[in-house]
Amino acid sequence: MTFFKASAALVLALSLSACGDINDKTRDKNVFDGGNGDLSNMTAGIWVDPQGCEHWIIDDGVEGYLDLRRTPDGKPVCNSELAPNTASGPFKRGSSFVDLL
């Protein structure tokens, strides 16, 4: 019975530890480049993956953000006329951090 109780306690502890991350993922909390603001205020570009689907991309020099571009009904935008594996737009604008790459 001791093994069962120890196993149950371990499962309970692991399941509760998965509930700990409550950070706001819509904010850029990076203090190195001074861009400590809302992601919607940053300039996004478009990256086209190898399958032709478009993704929003933001690069502030220290961190990068990527999200699938969707139509208003939630379907992915995959009929791009842009070349696959390319990024377009001023997605690196707005950072005081020098991006060497």
N, C-alpha and C. Protein backbone atom coordinates (compact mmCIF):
# COMPACT_ATOMS: atom_id res chain seq x y z
N MET A 1 0.81 -1.20 0.00
CA MET A 1 0.00 0.00 0.00
C MET A 1 0.86 1.27 0.00
N THR A 2 2.05 1.19 0.59
CA THR A 2 2.94 2.34 0.64
C THR A 2 3.39 2.75 -0.76
N PHE A 3 3.69 1.77 -1.62
CA PHE A 3 4.08 2.06 -2.99
C PHE A 3 2.96 2.78 -3.73
N PHE A 4 1.72 2.35 -3.53
CA PHE A 4 0.58 2.98 -4.19
C PHE A 4 0.42 4.43 -3.73
N LYS A 5 0.55 4.69 -2.44
CA LYS A 5 0.43 6.05 -1.92
C LYS A 5 1.56 6.94 -2.44
N ALA A 6 2.77 6.40 -2.48
CA ALA A 6 3.90 7.18 -2.99
C ALA A 6 3.72 7.50 -4.47
N SER A 7 3.24 6.53 -5.23
CA SER A 7 3.00 6.76 -6.66
C SER A 7 1.90 7.78 -6.87
N ALA A 8 0.83 7.70 -6.09
CA ALA A 8 -0.26 8.66 -6.20
C ALA A 8 0.21 10.06 -5.83
N ALA A 9 1.03 10.18 -4.80
CA ALA A 9 1.56 11.49 -4.40
C ALA A 9 2.46 12.07 -5.48
N LEU A 10 3.27 11.23 -6.11
CA LEU A 10 4.14 11.69 -7.19
C LEU A 10 3.33 12.17 -8.39
N VAL A 11 2.31 11.43 -8.77
CA VAL A 11 1.45 11.83 -9.88
C VAL A 11 0.74 13.14 -9.57
N LEU A 12 0.26 13.30 -8.35
CA LEU A 12 -0.40 14.54 -7.94
C LEU A 12 0.57 15.72 -7.99
N ALA A 13 1.77 15.54 -7.49
CA ALA A 13 2.76 16.62 -7.49
C ALA A 13 3.14 17.02 -8.91
N LEU A 14 3.33 16.05 -9.78
CA LEU A 14 3.68 16.36 -11.17
C LEU A 14 2.54 17.05 -11.90
N SER A 15 1.31 16.64 -11.65
CA SER A 15 0.18 17.27 -12.33
C SER A 15 -0.04 18.69 -11.84
N LEU A 16 0.21 18.96 -10.57
CA LEU A 16 0.06 20.32 -10.06
C LEU A 16 1.20 21.22 -10.52
N SER A 17 2.38 20.67 -10.72
CA SER A 17 3.51 21.49 -11.16
C SER A 17 3.32 21.97 -12.60
N ALA A 18 2.50 21.31 -13.37
CA ALA A 18 2.25 21.72 -14.75
C ALA A 18 1.35 22.94 -14.82
N CYS A 19 0.76 23.35 -13.73
CA CYS A 19 -0.17 24.48 -13.72
C CYS A 19 0.51 25.79 -13.33
N GLY A 20 1.81 25.85 -13.25
CA GLY A 20 2.50 27.00 -12.68
C GLY A 20 2.72 28.18 -13.60
N ASP A 21 2.77 28.04 -14.91
CA ASP A 21 3.13 29.13 -15.80
C ASP A 21 1.92 30.00 -16.11
N ILE A 22 1.85 31.18 -15.50
CA ILE A 22 0.71 32.07 -15.71
C ILE A 22 1.17 33.41 -16.28
N ASN A 23 2.35 33.44 -16.94
CA ASN A 23 2.87 34.67 -17.51
C ASN A 23 2.04 35.11 -18.71
N ASP A 24 2.01 36.42 -18.94
CA ASP A 24 1.32 36.99 -20.08
C ASP A 24 2.21 36.82 -21.31
N LYS A 25 1.83 35.95 -22.24
CA LYS A 25 2.64 35.66 -23.42
C LYS A 25 2.49 36.70 -24.52
N THR A 26 1.62 37.70 -24.34
CA THR A 26 1.42 38.72 -25.36
C THR A 26 2.31 39.93 -25.16
N ARG A 27 3.18 39.91 -24.17
CA ARG A 27 4.06 41.04 -23.88
C ARG A 27 5.51 40.64 -24.08
N ASP A 28 6.29 41.57 -24.61
CA ASP A 28 7.73 41.37 -24.76
C ASP A 28 8.37 41.83 -23.46
N LYS A 29 8.85 40.91 -22.67
CA LYS A 29 9.43 41.24 -21.37
C LYS A 29 10.94 41.36 -21.43
N ASN A 30 11.49 41.50 -22.62
CA ASN A 30 12.93 41.57 -22.77
C ASN A 30 13.42 42.96 -22.39
N VAL A 31 14.30 43.05 -21.42
CA VAL A 31 14.82 44.33 -20.97
C VAL A 31 16.13 44.69 -21.66
N PHE A 32 16.74 43.76 -22.40
CA PHE A 32 18.02 44.03 -23.03
C PHE A 32 17.92 45.03 -24.17
N ASP A 33 16.82 45.04 -24.89
CA ASP A 33 16.70 45.95 -26.03
C ASP A 33 15.74 47.10 -25.76
N GLY A 34 15.21 47.21 -24.57
CA GLY A 34 14.30 48.29 -24.24
C GLY A 34 12.90 48.09 -24.79
N GLY A 35 12.63 46.98 -25.46
CA GLY A 35 11.33 46.72 -26.05
C GLY A 35 10.43 45.98 -25.09
N ASN A 36 10.05 46.63 -24.02
CA ASN A 36 9.25 45.98 -22.99
C ASN A 36 7.78 46.34 -23.19
N GLY A 37 7.22 45.99 -24.34
CA GLY A 37 5.87 46.40 -24.65
C GLY A 37 5.01 45.29 -25.20
N ASP A 38 3.82 45.66 -25.63
CA ASP A 38 2.86 44.72 -26.18
C ASP A 38 3.30 44.30 -27.58
N LEU A 39 3.17 43.02 -27.88
CA LEU A 39 3.59 42.52 -29.19
C LEU A 39 2.80 43.13 -30.34
N SER A 40 1.56 43.56 -30.08
CA SER A 40 0.76 44.16 -31.15
C SER A 40 1.31 45.52 -31.57
N ASN A 41 2.19 46.12 -30.78
CA ASN A 41 2.79 47.40 -31.14
C ASN A 41 4.07 47.23 -31.95
N MET A 42 4.54 46.02 -32.13
CA MET A 42 5.74 45.75 -32.92
C MET A 42 5.36 45.55 -34.38
N THR A 43 6.33 45.76 -35.27
CA THR A 43 6.09 45.60 -36.69
C THR A 43 6.36 44.15 -37.10
N ALA A 44 5.38 43.53 -37.72
CA ALA A 44 5.49 42.12 -38.12
C ALA A 44 5.77 42.02 -39.61
N GLY A 45 6.48 40.97 -39.98
CA GLY A 45 6.69 40.62 -41.36
C GLY A 45 6.01 39.28 -41.63
N ILE A 46 6.21 38.76 -42.82
CA ILE A 46 5.60 37.48 -43.18
C ILE A 46 6.70 36.53 -43.62
N TRP A 47 6.70 35.33 -43.04
CA TRP A 47 7.60 34.26 -43.45
C TRP A 47 6.75 33.17 -44.08
N VAL A 48 7.20 32.64 -45.21
CA VAL A 48 6.48 31.56 -45.91
C VAL A 48 7.26 30.27 -45.69
N ASP A 49 6.58 29.26 -45.13
CA ASP A 49 7.24 27.98 -44.85
C ASP A 49 7.37 27.16 -46.13
N PRO A 50 8.07 26.03 -46.10
CA PRO A 50 8.27 25.23 -47.31
C PRO A 50 6.98 24.73 -47.95
N GLN A 51 5.89 24.61 -47.18
CA GLN A 51 4.62 24.16 -47.73
C GLN A 51 3.81 25.32 -48.33
N GLY A 52 4.30 26.57 -48.22
CA GLY A 52 3.61 27.71 -48.79
C GLY A 52 2.67 28.42 -47.83
N CYS A 53 2.64 28.04 -46.56
CA CYS A 53 1.78 28.71 -45.57
C CYS A 53 2.51 29.91 -44.98
N GLU A 54 1.75 30.98 -44.73
CA GLU A 54 2.32 32.22 -44.22
C GLU A 54 2.29 32.26 -42.70
N HIS A 55 3.32 32.88 -42.12
CA HIS A 55 3.43 33.05 -40.67
C HIS A 55 3.79 34.49 -40.38
N TRP A 56 3.19 35.08 -39.32
CA TRP A 56 3.61 36.38 -38.83
C TRP A 56 4.94 36.19 -38.12
N ILE A 57 5.90 37.09 -38.34
CA ILE A 57 7.21 36.98 -37.70
C ILE A 57 7.62 38.36 -37.19
N ILE A 58 8.13 38.38 -35.95
CA ILE A 58 8.67 39.60 -35.34
C ILE A 58 10.02 39.23 -34.74
N ASP A 59 11.04 40.04 -35.02
CA ASP A 59 12.37 39.81 -34.46
C ASP A 59 12.83 41.11 -33.83
N ASP A 60 12.99 41.11 -32.49
CA ASP A 60 13.43 42.34 -31.82
C ASP A 60 14.93 42.36 -31.59
N GLY A 61 15.66 41.45 -32.18
CA GLY A 61 17.10 41.41 -32.05
C GLY A 61 17.58 40.43 -31.00
N VAL A 62 16.81 40.20 -29.97
CA VAL A 62 17.17 39.26 -28.92
C VAL A 62 16.26 38.04 -28.98
N GLU A 63 14.97 38.29 -29.17
CA GLU A 63 13.98 37.21 -29.24
C GLU A 63 13.27 37.27 -30.58
N GLY A 64 12.70 36.17 -30.97
CA GLY A 64 11.89 36.12 -32.17
C GLY A 64 10.52 35.56 -31.86
N TYR A 65 9.51 36.04 -32.55
CA TYR A 65 8.13 35.59 -32.34
C TYR A 65 7.58 35.15 -33.69
N LEU A 66 6.83 34.05 -33.69
CA LEU A 66 6.28 33.49 -34.91
C LEU A 66 4.90 32.95 -34.62
N ASP A 67 3.95 33.24 -35.50
CA ASP A 67 2.60 32.72 -35.34
C ASP A 67 2.02 32.48 -36.72
N LEU A 68 1.24 31.44 -36.86
CA LEU A 68 0.60 31.10 -38.12
C LEU A 68 -0.38 32.20 -38.51
N ARG A 69 -0.31 32.65 -39.75
CA ARG A 69 -1.26 33.65 -40.25
C ARG A 69 -2.55 32.95 -40.61
N ARG A 70 -3.68 33.48 -40.13
CA ARG A 70 -4.98 32.83 -40.30
C ARG A 70 -5.99 33.77 -40.95
N THR A 71 -6.97 33.18 -41.61
CA THR A 71 -8.10 33.94 -42.14
C THR A 71 -9.04 34.24 -40.98
N PRO A 72 -10.03 35.13 -41.16
CA PRO A 72 -10.95 35.44 -40.06
C PRO A 72 -11.69 34.23 -39.49
N ASP A 73 -11.87 33.18 -40.28
CA ASP A 73 -12.55 31.99 -39.75
C ASP A 73 -11.58 30.97 -39.14
N GLY A 74 -10.28 31.32 -39.04
CA GLY A 74 -9.32 30.48 -38.35
C GLY A 74 -8.52 29.52 -39.21
N LYS A 75 -8.75 29.52 -40.51
CA LYS A 75 -8.00 28.63 -41.39
C LYS A 75 -6.65 29.25 -41.73
N PRO A 76 -5.60 28.44 -41.88
CA PRO A 76 -4.28 28.99 -42.22
C PRO A 76 -4.24 29.55 -43.63
N VAL A 77 -3.45 30.61 -43.82
CA VAL A 77 -3.26 31.21 -45.13
C VAL A 77 -2.12 30.46 -45.81
N CYS A 78 -2.46 29.63 -46.81
CA CYS A 78 -1.46 28.79 -47.46
C CYS A 78 -1.44 28.95 -48.97
N ASN A 79 -2.02 30.00 -49.49
CA ASN A 79 -2.04 30.21 -50.94
C ASN A 79 -1.16 31.40 -51.31
N SER A 80 0.00 31.47 -50.69
CA SER A 80 0.88 32.62 -50.86
C SER A 80 1.54 32.62 -52.22
N GLU A 81 1.67 33.82 -52.79
CA GLU A 81 2.41 33.98 -54.03
C GLU A 81 3.88 34.29 -53.75
N LEU A 82 4.22 34.44 -52.46
CA LEU A 82 5.61 34.67 -52.09
C LEU A 82 6.39 33.36 -52.21
N ALA A 83 7.68 33.48 -52.41
CA ALA A 83 8.53 32.29 -52.55
C ALA A 83 8.65 31.56 -51.21
N PRO A 84 8.62 30.24 -51.22
CA PRO A 84 8.80 29.48 -49.97
C PRO A 84 10.16 29.75 -49.33
N ASN A 85 10.20 29.61 -48.01
CA ASN A 85 11.41 29.81 -47.21
C ASN A 85 11.96 31.23 -47.31
N THR A 86 11.09 32.21 -47.44
CA THR A 86 11.52 33.60 -47.47
C THR A 86 10.75 34.40 -46.44
N ALA A 87 11.37 35.47 -45.97
CA ALA A 87 10.72 36.40 -45.05
C ALA A 87 10.68 37.76 -45.72
N SER A 88 9.57 38.46 -45.58
CA SER A 88 9.44 39.78 -46.17
C SER A 88 8.85 40.73 -45.15
N GLY A 89 9.12 42.00 -45.35
CA GLY A 89 8.58 43.01 -44.46
C GLY A 89 9.60 43.47 -43.43
N PRO A 90 9.29 44.58 -42.75
CA PRO A 90 10.23 45.17 -41.78
C PRO A 90 10.12 44.54 -40.40
N PHE A 91 10.25 43.23 -40.31
CA PHE A 91 10.02 42.54 -39.03
C PHE A 91 11.15 42.74 -38.03
N LYS A 92 12.26 43.37 -38.42
CA LYS A 92 13.35 43.65 -37.47
C LYS A 92 13.34 45.11 -37.03
N ARG A 93 12.38 45.88 -37.45
CA ARG A 93 12.32 47.30 -37.12
C ARG A 93 11.85 47.50 -35.68
N GLY A 94 12.31 48.57 -35.06
CA GLY A 94 11.83 48.92 -33.73
C GLY A 94 12.71 48.43 -32.60
N SER A 95 13.89 47.94 -32.90
CA SER A 95 14.77 47.44 -31.86
C SER A 95 16.03 48.29 -31.81
N SER A 96 16.46 48.62 -30.60
CA SER A 96 17.73 49.33 -30.44
C SER A 96 18.89 48.35 -30.33
N PHE A 97 18.58 47.06 -30.27
CA PHE A 97 19.60 46.01 -30.16
C PHE A 97 20.11 45.68 -31.55
N VAL A 98 21.43 45.67 -31.73
CA VAL A 98 22.01 45.38 -33.03
C VAL A 98 21.96 43.88 -33.29
N ASP A 99 21.32 43.48 -34.38
CA ASP A 99 21.24 42.08 -34.77
C ASP A 99 22.33 41.81 -35.79
N LEU A 100 23.33 41.04 -35.41
CA LEU A 100 24.48 40.81 -36.27
C LEU A 100 24.24 39.81 -37.37
N LEU A 101 23.16 39.03 -37.28
CA LEU A 101 22.93 38.00 -38.30
C LEU A 101 22.10 38.51 -39.42
